[in-house]
Amino acid sequence: MRPLALTSAEITTMVYPTELEERVRDLLLELAGGERGLKEEKFTSHYGYSFKVLTVKLGREAAESLLKRIICSLGEFDFFSLMDTLESHIDGRDLYLRLDKQDLALGRYSLFTGDPGGYVRIRLTFRKKAVNLEPALREMRESQCPGT
């Protein structure tokens, strides 16, 4: 089995009334590699604010492509920050990442470090428990990412 054998991925973000919903939808679908099947849920907060949660689920090939795109597109600082904190992003078979939504809208990939709401949440699910991912992710970046 390949060390980074994924089974699926799920990309989720919130759309607030202050955001252009169509732009956020397009951003999510672009991140998903053109996959369709966007799921939408509407919520109202305790204080009466409304927002939507958009989710796209990806199969194995699209999930593997997404992981490679993220690893190859992260800046050096974000990549090394991820490697330093990788264990805190893993739960069983899942690797959780949060990317900055605003940066994605500008065509940049960066880890999100702000307050809730401004991120795109990605859950990557592996076939087996996600262990020893750091060497595999470093190898991916070195061998499959041009210019890194």
Protein backbone atom coordinates (compact mmCIF):
# COMPACT_ATOMS: atom_id res chain seq x y z
CA MET A 1 0.00 0.00 0.00
CA ARG A 2 1.21 3.50 -0.77
CA PRO A 3 1.97 5.49 2.41
CA LEU A 4 -0.45 8.26 1.38
CA ALA A 5 -3.31 6.07 0.19
CA LEU A 6 -6.42 8.16 0.67
CA THR A 7 -10.01 6.96 0.49
CA SER A 8 -11.80 10.32 0.46
CA ALA A 9 -11.79 13.98 1.35
CA GLU A 10 -14.38 16.46 2.54
CA ILE A 11 -14.13 20.20 2.00
CA THR A 12 -16.36 22.45 4.12
CA THR A 13 -16.75 26.17 4.63
CA MET A 14 -19.27 28.64 5.98
CA VAL A 15 -20.86 31.39 3.90
CA TYR A 16 -21.83 34.48 5.84
CA PRO A 17 -24.30 37.16 4.71
CA THR A 18 -21.37 39.55 4.19
CA GLU A 19 -19.79 37.24 1.59
CA LEU A 20 -20.67 36.74 -2.05
CA GLU A 21 -22.16 33.27 -1.97
CA GLU A 22 -21.48 32.49 -5.63
CA ARG A 23 -17.81 33.39 -5.18
CA VAL A 24 -17.50 31.09 -2.17
CA ARG A 25 -19.26 28.29 -4.08
CA ASP A 26 -16.88 28.71 -7.02
CA LEU A 27 -13.90 28.72 -4.66
CA LEU A 28 -15.01 25.45 -3.08
CA LEU A 29 -15.67 23.77 -6.43
CA GLU A 30 -12.33 24.94 -7.79
CA LEU A 31 -10.57 23.58 -4.71
CA ALA A 32 -12.44 20.30 -5.24
CA GLY A 33 -10.92 20.03 -8.70
CA GLY A 34 -14.20 20.55 -10.54
CA GLU A 35 -16.09 17.91 -8.57
CA ARG A 36 -19.79 18.56 -8.31
CA GLY A 37 -22.26 17.55 -5.65
CA LEU A 38 -22.09 20.57 -3.43
CA LYS A 39 -24.24 20.11 -0.33
CA GLU A 40 -25.74 23.16 1.37
CA GLU A 41 -27.14 23.52 4.89
CA LYS A 42 -28.72 26.67 6.30
CA PHE A 43 -28.34 27.66 9.94
CA THR A 44 -29.48 30.46 12.21
CA SER A 45 -27.44 31.36 15.25
CA HIS A 46 -28.81 31.93 18.72
CA TYR A 47 -28.69 35.66 17.98
CA GLY A 48 -30.61 35.38 14.71
CA TYR A 49 -27.70 35.55 12.26
CA SER A 50 -28.07 33.27 9.27
CA PHE A 51 -25.30 31.50 7.43
CA LYS A 52 -24.81 28.48 5.19
CA VAL A 53 -22.40 25.58 5.38
CA LEU A 54 -21.19 24.26 2.03
CA THR A 55 -19.64 20.81 1.72
CA VAL A 56 -18.09 18.87 -1.16
CA LYS A 57 -17.10 15.22 -0.82
CA LEU A 58 -14.32 13.79 -2.95
CA GLY A 59 -13.40 10.26 -3.93
CA ARG A 60 -9.95 8.71 -3.77
CA GLU A 61 -8.35 10.18 -6.89
CA ALA A 62 -9.67 13.69 -6.30
CA ALA A 63 -8.60 13.49 -2.63
CA GLU A 64 -5.07 12.46 -3.61
CA SER A 65 -4.92 15.28 -6.15
CA LEU A 66 -6.13 17.77 -3.54
CA LEU A 67 -3.50 16.70 -1.00
CA LYS A 68 -0.74 17.02 -3.59
CA ARG A 69 -2.00 20.46 -4.66
CA ILE A 70 -2.05 21.67 -1.05
CA ILE A 71 1.39 20.29 -0.18
CA CYS A 72 2.89 21.73 -3.37
CA SER A 73 1.16 25.11 -3.04
CA LEU A 74 1.83 25.92 0.61
CA GLY A 75 4.56 28.48 1.14
CA GLU A 76 7.72 27.30 2.85
CA PHE A 77 6.75 28.79 6.22
CA ASP A 78 3.30 27.17 6.20
CA PHE A 79 4.66 23.81 5.04
CA PHE A 80 7.25 23.70 7.82
CA SER A 81 4.66 24.91 10.35
CA LEU A 82 2.41 22.05 9.28
CA MET A 83 5.26 19.56 9.62
CA ASP A 84 6.05 20.89 13.11
CA THR A 85 2.44 20.51 14.26
CA LEU A 86 1.36 17.57 12.10
CA GLU A 87 0.37 15.29 14.99
CA SER A 88 -2.17 17.87 16.20
CA HIS A 89 -3.87 17.71 12.77
CA ILE A 90 -4.33 13.92 12.85
CA ASP A 91 -7.19 11.98 14.41
CA GLY A 92 -7.13 8.27 13.62
CA ARG A 93 -7.39 7.90 9.84
CA ASP A 94 -8.12 11.61 9.28
CA LEU A 95 -5.84 14.55 8.57
CA TYR A 96 -7.52 17.90 9.21
CA LEU A 97 -6.34 21.10 7.56
CA ARG A 98 -7.73 24.63 7.63
CA LEU A 99 -6.84 26.90 4.73
CA ASP A 100 -7.33 30.65 4.73
CA LYS A 101 -10.45 31.39 2.65
CA GLN A 102 -9.38 34.91 1.71
CA ASP A 103 -5.98 33.73 0.50
CA LEU A 104 -7.64 30.97 -1.53
CA ALA A 105 -9.85 33.59 -3.17
CA LEU A 106 -6.64 35.40 -4.14
CA GLY A 107 -5.10 32.21 -5.55
CA ARG A 108 -2.77 31.48 -2.62
CA TYR A 109 -2.69 28.46 -0.34
CA SER A 110 -1.94 29.18 3.31
CA LEU A 111 -2.82 27.65 6.64
CA PHE A 112 -5.50 29.51 8.56
CA THR A 113 -4.49 30.97 11.91
CA GLY A 114 -7.29 33.44 12.65
CA ASP A 115 -10.64 33.36 14.35
CA PRO A 116 -13.39 30.91 13.31
CA GLY A 117 -15.19 31.56 10.07
CA GLY A 118 -12.48 32.65 7.65
CA TYR A 119 -11.32 29.19 6.72
CA VAL A 120 -11.98 26.23 4.49
CA ARG A 121 -11.84 22.99 6.48
CA ILE A 122 -10.45 19.91 4.77
CA ARG A 123 -10.67 16.39 6.12
CA LEU A 124 -8.51 13.85 4.29
CA THR A 125 -9.27 10.23 5.16
CA PHE A 126 -6.62 7.55 4.72
CA ARG A 127 -7.16 3.81 4.27
CA LYS A 128 -5.33 3.08 7.51
CA LYS A 129 -4.51 5.05 10.62
CA ALA A 130 -2.51 8.11 9.63
CA VAL A 131 0.92 7.47 11.12
CA ASN A 132 4.36 8.57 9.95
CA LEU A 133 2.87 11.06 7.51
CA GLU A 134 5.65 13.60 7.91
CA PRO A 135 8.30 11.71 5.90
CA ALA A 136 5.78 10.88 3.18
CA LEU A 137 4.59 14.50 2.91
CA ARG A 138 8.18 15.78 2.82
CA GLU A 139 9.02 13.24 0.10
CA MET A 140 5.92 14.30 -1.88
CA ARG A 141 6.95 17.94 -1.69
CA GLU A 142 10.55 17.22 -2.70
CA SER A 143 9.82 14.81 -5.54
CA GLN A 144 6.48 15.90 -6.99
CA CYS A 145 6.39 19.66 -6.53
CA PRO A 146 8.25 21.69 -9.13
CA GLY A 147 10.23 24.61 -7.74
CA THR A 148 10.24 23.58 -4.08
